[in-house]
Amino acid sequence: MSSRLRVGIALLATVPMLLALVLPAAAGVLPWAVSLSASPALAVPAVVTYVRLGRTAAGTASGRDRDAARPGGPTDR
């Protein structure tokens, strides 16, 4: 999996928490100061998701190797 795709998925993982911080503040239920002070917590799920997407199981081929071995894979084009 490319690094760019991993970053995109990791950023999308933060959307639910971002909405949970912004929507109550926009509605006036929660002060903006609280939302802004909790915003660094958005980095935690992003980093965890990025790292987990980069891991491969020990002893298994990476996706690129599996695709190359498959008929119709990148080597047959």
PDB file of N, CA and C in Angstrom:
ATOM      1  N   MET A   1       0.855  -1.163   0.000  1.00  0.00           N
ATOM      2  CA  MET A   1       0.000   0.000   0.000  1.00  0.00           C
ATOM      3  C   MET A   1       0.906   1.232   0.000  1.00  0.00           C
ATOM      4  N   SER A   2       0.570   2.155  -0.843  1.00  0.00           N
ATOM      5  CA  SER A   2       1.414   3.351  -0.949  1.00  0.00           C
ATOM      6  C   SER A   2       1.257   4.230   0.290  1.00  0.00           C
ATOM      7  N   SER A   3       2.275   5.014   0.534  1.00  0.00           N
ATOM      8  CA  SER A   3       2.262   5.910   1.687  1.00  0.00           C
ATOM      9  C   SER A   3       1.156   6.952   1.550  1.00  0.00           C
ATOM     10  N   ARG A   4       0.920   7.404   0.339  1.00  0.00           N
ATOM     11  CA  ARG A   4      -0.121   8.415   0.112  1.00  0.00           C
ATOM     12  C   ARG A   4      -1.506   7.862   0.456  1.00  0.00           C
ATOM     13  N   LEU A   5      -1.760   6.620   0.082  1.00  0.00           N
ATOM     14  CA  LEU A   5      -3.039   6.003   0.395  1.00  0.00           C
ATOM     15  C   LEU A   5      -3.180   5.782   1.900  1.00  0.00           C
ATOM     16  N   ARG A   6      -2.094   5.364   2.557  1.00  0.00           N
ATOM     17  CA  ARG A   6      -2.113   5.179   4.006  1.00  0.00           C
ATOM     18  C   ARG A   6      -2.418   6.488   4.724  1.00  0.00           C
ATOM     19  N   VAL A   7      -1.830   7.597   4.264  1.00  0.00           N
ATOM     20  CA  VAL A   7      -2.089   8.904   4.875  1.00  0.00           C
ATOM     21  C   VAL A   7      -3.555   9.284   4.688  1.00  0.00           C
ATOM     22  N   GLY A   8      -4.085   9.061   3.505  1.00  0.00           N
ATOM     23  CA  GLY A   8      -5.487   9.394   3.244  1.00  0.00           C
ATOM     24  C   GLY A   8      -6.443   8.620   4.125  1.00  0.00           C
ATOM     25  N   ILE A   9      -6.211   7.325   4.270  1.00  0.00           N
ATOM     26  CA  ILE A   9      -7.066   6.504   5.118  1.00  0.00           C
ATOM     27  C   ILE A   9      -6.920   6.928   6.576  1.00  0.00           C
ATOM     28  N   ALA A  10      -5.690   7.229   6.999  1.00  0.00           N
ATOM     29  CA  ALA A  10      -5.463   7.658   8.379  1.00  0.00           C
ATOM     30  C   ALA A  10      -6.184   8.968   8.671  1.00  0.00           C
ATOM     31  N   LEU A  11      -6.179   9.889   7.729  1.00  0.00           N
ATOM     32  CA  LEU A  11      -6.884  11.156   7.932  1.00  0.00           C
ATOM     33  C   LEU A  11      -8.399  10.944   7.968  1.00  0.00           C
ATOM     34  N   LEU A  12      -8.891  10.034   7.150  1.00  0.00           N
ATOM     35  CA  LEU A  12     -10.325   9.736   7.181  1.00  0.00           C
ATOM     36  C   LEU A  12     -10.739   9.099   8.505  1.00  0.00           C
ATOM     37  N   ALA A  13      -9.821   8.423   9.168  1.00  0.00           N
ATOM     38  CA  ALA A  13     -10.131   7.813  10.460  1.00  0.00           C
ATOM     39  C   ALA A  13     -10.384   8.859  11.532  1.00  0.00           C
ATOM     40  N   THR A  14      -9.928  10.065  11.319  1.00  0.00           N
ATOM     41  CA  THR A  14     -10.124  11.128  12.314  1.00  0.00           C
ATOM     42  C   THR A  14     -11.439  11.881  12.133  1.00  0.00           C
ATOM     43  N   VAL A  15     -12.136  11.657  11.045  1.00  0.00           N
ATOM     44  CA  VAL A  15     -13.360  12.414  10.750  1.00  0.00           C
ATOM     45  C   VAL A  15     -14.430  12.254  11.838  1.00  0.00           C
ATOM     46  N   PRO A  16     -14.717  11.041  12.337  1.00  0.00           N
ATOM     47  CA  PRO A  16     -15.753  10.954  13.384  1.00  0.00           C
ATOM     48  C   PRO A  16     -15.417  11.770  14.636  1.00  0.00           C
ATOM     49  N   MET A  17     -14.168  11.736  15.066  1.00  0.00           N
ATOM     50  CA  MET A  17     -13.792  12.505  16.251  1.00  0.00           C
ATOM     51  C   MET A  17     -13.835  13.999  15.957  1.00  0.00           C
ATOM     52  N   LEU A  18     -13.435  14.374  14.748  1.00  0.00           N
ATOM     53  CA  LEU A  18     -13.484  15.780  14.362  1.00  0.00           C
ATOM     54  C   LEU A  18     -14.918  16.294  14.398  1.00  0.00           C
ATOM     55  N   LEU A  19     -15.835  15.507  13.885  1.00  0.00           N
ATOM     56  CA  LEU A  19     -17.246  15.902  13.924  1.00  0.00           C
ATOM     57  C   LEU A  19     -17.760  15.988  15.358  1.00  0.00           C
ATOM     58  N   ALA A  20     -17.317  15.063  16.199  1.00  0.00           N
ATOM     59  CA  ALA A  20     -17.747  15.086  17.603  1.00  0.00           C
ATOM     60  C   ALA A  20     -17.211  16.314  18.337  1.00  0.00           C
ATOM     61  N   LEU A  21     -16.118  16.869  17.879  1.00  0.00           N
ATOM     62  CA  LEU A  21     -15.569  18.080  18.502  1.00  0.00           C
ATOM     63  C   LEU A  21     -16.172  19.354  17.929  1.00  0.00           C
ATOM     64  N   VAL A  22     -16.397  19.366  16.630  1.00  0.00           N
ATOM     65  CA  VAL A  22     -16.809  20.601  15.961  1.00  0.00           C
ATOM     66  C   VAL A  22     -18.321  20.849  16.044  1.00  0.00           C
ATOM     67  N   LEU A  23     -19.114  19.819  15.858  1.00  0.00           N
ATOM     68  CA  LEU A  23     -20.564  20.032  15.825  1.00  0.00           C
ATOM     69  C   LEU A  23     -21.125  20.585  17.130  1.00  0.00           C
ATOM     70  N   PRO A  24     -20.766  20.047  18.303  1.00  0.00           N
ATOM     71  CA  PRO A  24     -21.291  20.659  19.537  1.00  0.00           C
ATOM     72  C   PRO A  24     -20.796  22.094  19.740  1.00  0.00           C
ATOM     73  N   ALA A  25     -19.573  22.363  19.344  1.00  0.00           N
ATOM     74  CA  ALA A  25     -19.059  23.733  19.485  1.00  0.00           C
ATOM     75  C   ALA A  25     -19.792  24.676  18.541  1.00  0.00           C
ATOM     76  N   ALA A  26     -20.071  24.213  17.336  1.00  0.00           N
ATOM     77  CA  ALA A  26     -20.797  25.054  16.381  1.00  0.00           C
ATOM     78  C   ALA A  26     -22.233  25.301  16.830  1.00  0.00           C
ATOM     79  N   ALA A  27     -22.804  24.338  17.536  1.00  0.00           N
ATOM     80  CA  ALA A  27     -24.179  24.492  18.025  1.00  0.00           C
ATOM     81  C   ALA A  27     -24.242  25.317  19.303  1.00  0.00           C
ATOM     82  N   GLY A  28     -23.087  25.621  19.884  1.00  0.00           N
ATOM     83  CA  GLY A  28     -23.056  26.427  21.097  1.00  0.00           C
ATOM     84  C   GLY A  28     -23.178  25.613  22.375  1.00  0.00           C
ATOM     85  N   VAL A  29     -23.190  24.302  22.268  1.00  0.00           N
ATOM     86  CA  VAL A  29     -23.317  23.439  23.443  1.00  0.00           C
ATOM     87  C   VAL A  29     -21.988  23.324  24.177  1.00  0.00           C
ATOM     88  N   LEU A  30     -20.914  23.368  23.423  1.00  0.00           N
ATOM     89  CA  LEU A  30     -19.567  23.186  23.965  1.00  0.00           C
ATOM     90  C   LEU A  30     -18.737  24.415  23.604  1.00  0.00           C
ATOM     91  N   PRO A  31     -17.999  24.956  24.541  1.00  0.00           N
ATOM     92  CA  PRO A  31     -17.163  26.120  24.201  1.00  0.00           C
ATOM     93  C   PRO A  31     -16.080  25.743  23.178  1.00  0.00           C
ATOM     94  N   TRP A  32     -15.733  26.681  22.303  1.00  0.00           N
ATOM     95  CA  TRP A  32     -14.708  26.425  21.292  1.00  0.00           C
ATOM     96  C   TRP A  32     -13.363  26.116  21.928  1.00  0.00           C
ATOM     97  N   ALA A  33     -13.102  26.680  23.089  1.00  0.00           N
ATOM     98  CA  ALA A  33     -11.826  26.437  23.762  1.00  0.00           C
ATOM     99  C   ALA A  33     -11.655  24.956  24.089  1.00  0.00           C
ATOM    100  N   VAL A  34     -12.749  24.313  24.465  1.00  0.00           N
ATOM    101  CA  VAL A  34     -12.678  22.876  24.766  1.00  0.00           C
ATOM    102  C   VAL A  34     -12.409  22.087  23.495  1.00  0.00           C
ATOM    103  N   SER A  35     -13.086  22.440  22.423  1.00  0.00           N
ATOM    104  CA  SER A  35     -12.879  21.737  21.152  1.00  0.00           C
ATOM    105  C   SER A  35     -11.449  21.912  20.650  1.00  0.00           C
ATOM    106  N   LEU A  36     -10.947  23.128  20.753  1.00  0.00           N
ATOM    107  CA  LEU A  36      -9.588  23.378  20.280  1.00  0.00           C
ATOM    108  C   LEU A  36      -8.544  22.698  21.153  1.00  0.00           C
ATOM    109  N   SER A  37      -8.802  22.621  22.454  1.00  0.00           N
ATOM    110  CA  SER A  37      -7.827  21.970  23.326  1.00  0.00           C
ATOM    111  C   SER A  37      -7.830  20.455  23.145  1.00  0.00           C
ATOM    112  N   ALA A  38      -8.929  19.893  22.697  1.00  0.00           N
ATOM    113  CA  ALA A  38      -9.006  18.446  22.468  1.00  0.00           C
ATOM    114  C   ALA A  38      -8.549  18.063  21.062  1.00  0.00           C
ATOM    115  N   SER A  39      -8.325  19.026  20.204  1.00  0.00           N
ATOM    116  CA  SER A  39      -7.963  18.715  18.821  1.00  0.00           C
ATOM    117  C   SER A  39      -6.630  17.972  18.649  1.00  0.00           C
ATOM    118  N   PRO A  40      -5.620  18.172  19.512  1.00  0.00           N
ATOM    119  CA  PRO A  40      -4.407  17.348  19.344  1.00  0.00           C
ATOM    120  C   PRO A  40      -4.667  15.852  19.502  1.00  0.00           C
ATOM    121  N   ALA A  41      -5.771  15.502  20.150  1.00  0.00           N
ATOM    122  CA  ALA A  41      -6.115  14.083  20.278  1.00  0.00           C
ATOM    123  C   ALA A  41      -6.459  13.456  18.932  1.00  0.00           C
ATOM    124  N   LEU A  42      -6.699  14.275  17.922  1.00  0.00           N
ATOM    125  CA  LEU A  42      -6.969  13.753  16.579  1.00  0.00           C
ATOM    126  C   LEU A  42      -5.741  13.057  15.993  1.00  0.00           C
ATOM    127  N   ALA A  43      -4.576  13.419  16.451  1.00  0.00           N
ATOM    128  CA  ALA A  43      -3.355  12.816  15.918  1.00  0.00           C
ATOM    129  C   ALA A  43      -3.218  11.352  16.335  1.00  0.00           C
ATOM    130  N   VAL A  44      -3.768  10.995  17.481  1.00  0.00           N
ATOM    131  CA  VAL A  44      -3.606   9.622  17.978  1.00  0.00           C
ATOM    132  C   VAL A  44      -4.244   8.598  17.044  1.00  0.00           C
ATOM    133  N   PRO A  45      -5.536   8.710  16.690  1.00  0.00           N
ATOM    134  CA  PRO A  45      -6.083   7.709  15.774  1.00  0.00           C
ATOM    135  C   PRO A  45      -5.436   7.753  14.390  1.00  0.00           C
ATOM    136  N   ALA A  46      -5.000   8.928  13.967  1.00  0.00           N
ATOM    137  CA  ALA A  46      -4.347   9.029  12.663  1.00  0.00           C
ATOM    138  C   ALA A  46      -3.031   8.258  12.655  1.00  0.00           C
ATOM    139  N   VAL A  47      -2.232   8.435  13.685  1.00  0.00           N
ATOM    140  CA  VAL A  47      -0.935   7.742  13.753  1.00  0.00           C
ATOM    141  C   VAL A  47      -1.136   6.241  13.910  1.00  0.00           C
ATOM    142  N   VAL A  48      -2.063   5.849  14.767  1.00  0.00           N
ATOM    143  CA  VAL A  48      -2.310   4.417  14.974  1.00  0.00           C
ATOM    144  C   VAL A  48      -2.775   3.761  13.671  1.00  0.00           C
ATOM    145  N   THR A  49      -3.686   4.394  12.960  1.00  0.00           N
ATOM    146  CA  THR A  49      -4.174   3.843  11.701  1.00  0.00           C
ATOM    147  C   THR A  49      -3.061   3.771  10.667  1.00  0.00           C
ATOM    148  N   TYR A  50      -2.250   4.815  10.571  1.00  0.00           N
ATOM    149  CA  TYR A  50      -1.145   4.827   9.611  1.00  0.00           C
ATOM    150  C   TYR A  50      -0.170   3.688   9.883  1.00  0.00           C
ATOM    151  N   VAL A  51       0.175   3.495  11.137  1.00  0.00           N
ATOM    152  CA  VAL A  51       1.129   2.440  11.492  1.00  0.00           C
ATOM    153  C   VAL A  51       0.529   1.062  11.237  1.00  0.00           C
ATOM    154  N   ARG A  52      -0.713   0.872  11.615  1.00  0.00           N
ATOM    155  CA  ARG A  52      -1.337  -0.446  11.439  1.00  0.00           C
ATOM    156  C   ARG A  52      -1.511  -0.802   9.971  1.00  0.00           C
ATOM    157  N   LEU A  53      -1.755   0.182   9.121  1.00  0.00           N
ATOM    158  CA  LEU A  53      -1.898  -0.108   7.695  1.00  0.00           C
ATOM    159  C   LEU A  53      -0.564  -0.481   7.057  1.00  0.00           C
ATOM    160  N   GLY A  54       0.524  -0.083   7.660  1.00  0.00           N
ATOM    161  CA  GLY A  54       1.834  -0.363   7.093  1.00  0.00           C
ATOM    162  C   GLY A  54       2.395  -1.710   7.483  1.00  0.00           C
ATOM    163  N   ARG A  55       1.790  -2.365   8.440  1.00  0.00           N
ATOM    164  CA  ARG A  55       2.308  -3.645   8.906  1.00  0.00           C
ATOM    165  C   ARG A  55       1.899  -4.765   7.971  1.00  0.00           C
ATOM    166  N   THR A  56       2.783  -5.736   7.823  1.00  0.00           N
ATOM    167  CA  THR A  56       2.453  -6.974   7.119  1.00  0.00           C
ATOM    168  C   THR A  56       2.759  -8.117   8.063  1.00  0.00           C
ATOM    169  N   ALA A  57       2.054  -9.189   7.919  1.00  0.00           N
ATOM    170  CA  ALA A  57       2.286 -10.349   8.777  1.00  0.00           C
ATOM    171  C   ALA A  57       3.644 -10.958   8.449  1.00  0.00           C
ATOM    172  N   ALA A  58       4.336 -11.417   9.466  1.00  0.00           N
ATOM    173  CA  ALA A  58       5.666 -12.011   9.270  1.00  0.00           C
ATOM    174  C   ALA A  58       5.538 -13.275   8.425  1.00  0.00           C
ATOM    175  N   GLY A  59       6.391 -13.374   7.437  1.00  0.00           N
ATOM    176  CA  GLY A  59       6.409 -14.564   6.601  1.00  0.00           C
ATOM    177  C   GLY A  59       5.438 -14.543   5.443  1.00  0.00           C
ATOM    178  N   THR A  60       4.706 -13.473   5.265  1.00  0.00           N
ATOM    179  CA  THR A  60       3.786 -13.402   4.137  1.00  0.00           C
ATOM    180  C   THR A  60       4.333 -12.424   3.112  1.00  0.00           C
ATOM    181  N   ALA A  61       3.944 -12.628   1.896  1.00  0.00           N
ATOM    182  CA  ALA A  61       4.389 -11.743   0.821  1.00  0.00           C
ATOM    183  C   ALA A  61       3.602 -10.443   0.883  1.00  0.00           C
ATOM    184  N   SER A  62       4.225  -9.388   0.463  1.00  0.00           N
ATOM    185  CA  SER A  62       3.510  -8.112   0.410  1.00  0.00           C
ATOM    186  C   SER A  62       2.497  -8.159  -0.726  1.00  0.00           C
ATOM    187  N   GLY A  63       1.579  -7.220  -0.726  1.00  0.00           N
ATOM    188  CA  GLY A  63       0.550  -7.188  -1.763  1.00  0.00           C
ATOM    189  C   GLY A  63       1.139  -7.063  -3.148  1.00  0.00           C
ATOM    190  N   ARG A  64       2.228  -6.326  -3.283  1.00  0.00           N
ATOM    191  CA  ARG A  64       2.861  -6.140  -4.579  1.00  0.00           C
ATOM    192  C   ARG A  64       3.400  -7.484  -5.097  1.00  0.00           C
ATOM    193  N   ASP A  65       3.996  -8.281  -4.202  1.00  0.00           N
ATOM    194  CA  ASP A  65       4.522  -9.588  -4.605  1.00  0.00           C
ATOM    195  C   ASP A  65       3.398 -10.529  -4.994  1.00  0.00           C
ATOM    196  N   ARG A  66       2.289 -10.493  -4.252  1.00  0.00           N
ATOM    197  CA  ARG A  66       1.157 -11.359  -4.581  1.00  0.00           C
ATOM    198  C   ARG A  66       0.581 -10.979  -5.942  1.00  0.00           C
ATOM    199  N   ASP A  67       0.474  -9.685  -6.229  1.00  0.00           N
ATOM    200  CA  ASP A  67      -0.075  -9.254  -7.510  1.00  0.00           C
ATOM    201  C   ASP A  67       0.826  -9.657  -8.663  1.00  0.00           C
ATOM    202  N   ALA A  68       2.131  -9.617  -8.467  1.00  0.00           N
ATOM    203  CA  ALA A  68       3.060  -9.961  -9.531  1.00  0.00           C
ATOM    204  C   ALA A  68       2.978 -11.446  -9.857  1.00  0.00           C
ATOM    205  N   ALA A  69       2.692 -12.267  -8.870  1.00  0.00           N
ATOM    206  CA  ALA A  69       2.629 -13.706  -9.095  1.00  0.00           C
ATOM    207  C   ALA A  69       1.289 -14.133  -9.686  1.00  0.00           C
ATOM    208  N   ARG A  70       0.292 -13.296  -9.597  1.00  0.00           N
ATOM    209  CA  ARG A  70      -1.034 -13.637 -10.081  1.00  0.00           C
ATOM    210  C   ARG A  70      -1.091 -13.465 -11.606  1.00  0.00           C
ATOM    211  N   PRO A  71      -1.773 -14.406 -12.314  1.00  0.00           N
ATOM    212  CA  PRO A  71      -1.944 -14.210 -13.763  1.00  0.00           C
ATOM    213  C   PRO A  71      -2.706 -12.905 -14.024  1.00  0.00           C
ATOM    214  N   GLY A  72      -2.204 -12.141 -14.950  1.00  0.00           N
ATOM    215  CA  GLY A  72      -2.805 -10.835 -15.245  1.00  0.00           C
ATOM    216  C   GLY A  72      -2.286  -9.761 -14.341  1.00  0.00           C
ATOM    217  N   GLY A  73      -1.263 -10.070 -13.541  1.00  0.00           N
ATOM    218  CA  GLY A  73      -0.661  -9.109 -12.632  1.00  0.00           C
ATOM    219  C   GLY A  73       0.192  -8.113 -13.389  1.00  0.00           C
ATOM    220  N   PRO A  74       0.915  -7.260 -12.678  1.00  0.00           N
ATOM    221  CA  PRO A  74       1.687  -6.196 -13.321  1.00  0.00           C
ATOM    222  C   PRO A  74       2.756  -6.693 -14.290  1.00  0.00           C
ATOM    223  N   THR A  75       3.254  -7.910 -14.094  1.00  0.00           N
ATOM    224  CA  THR A  75       4.312  -8.390 -14.994  1.00  0.00           C
ATOM    225  C   THR A  75       3.765  -8.822 -16.342  1.00  0.00           C
ATOM    226  N   ASP A  76       2.449  -9.100 -16.414  1.00  0.00           N
ATOM    227  CA  ASP A  76       1.851  -9.547 -17.686  1.00  0.00           C
ATOM    228  C   ASP A  76       1.380  -8.388 -18.554  1.00  0.00           C
ATOM    229  N   ARG A  77       1.479  -7.191 -18.075  1.00  0.00           N
ATOM    230  CA  ARG A  77       0.952  -6.045 -18.841  1.00  0.00           C
ATOM    231  C   ARG A  77       1.952  -5.545 -19.826  1.00  0.00           C
TER     232      ARG A  77
END
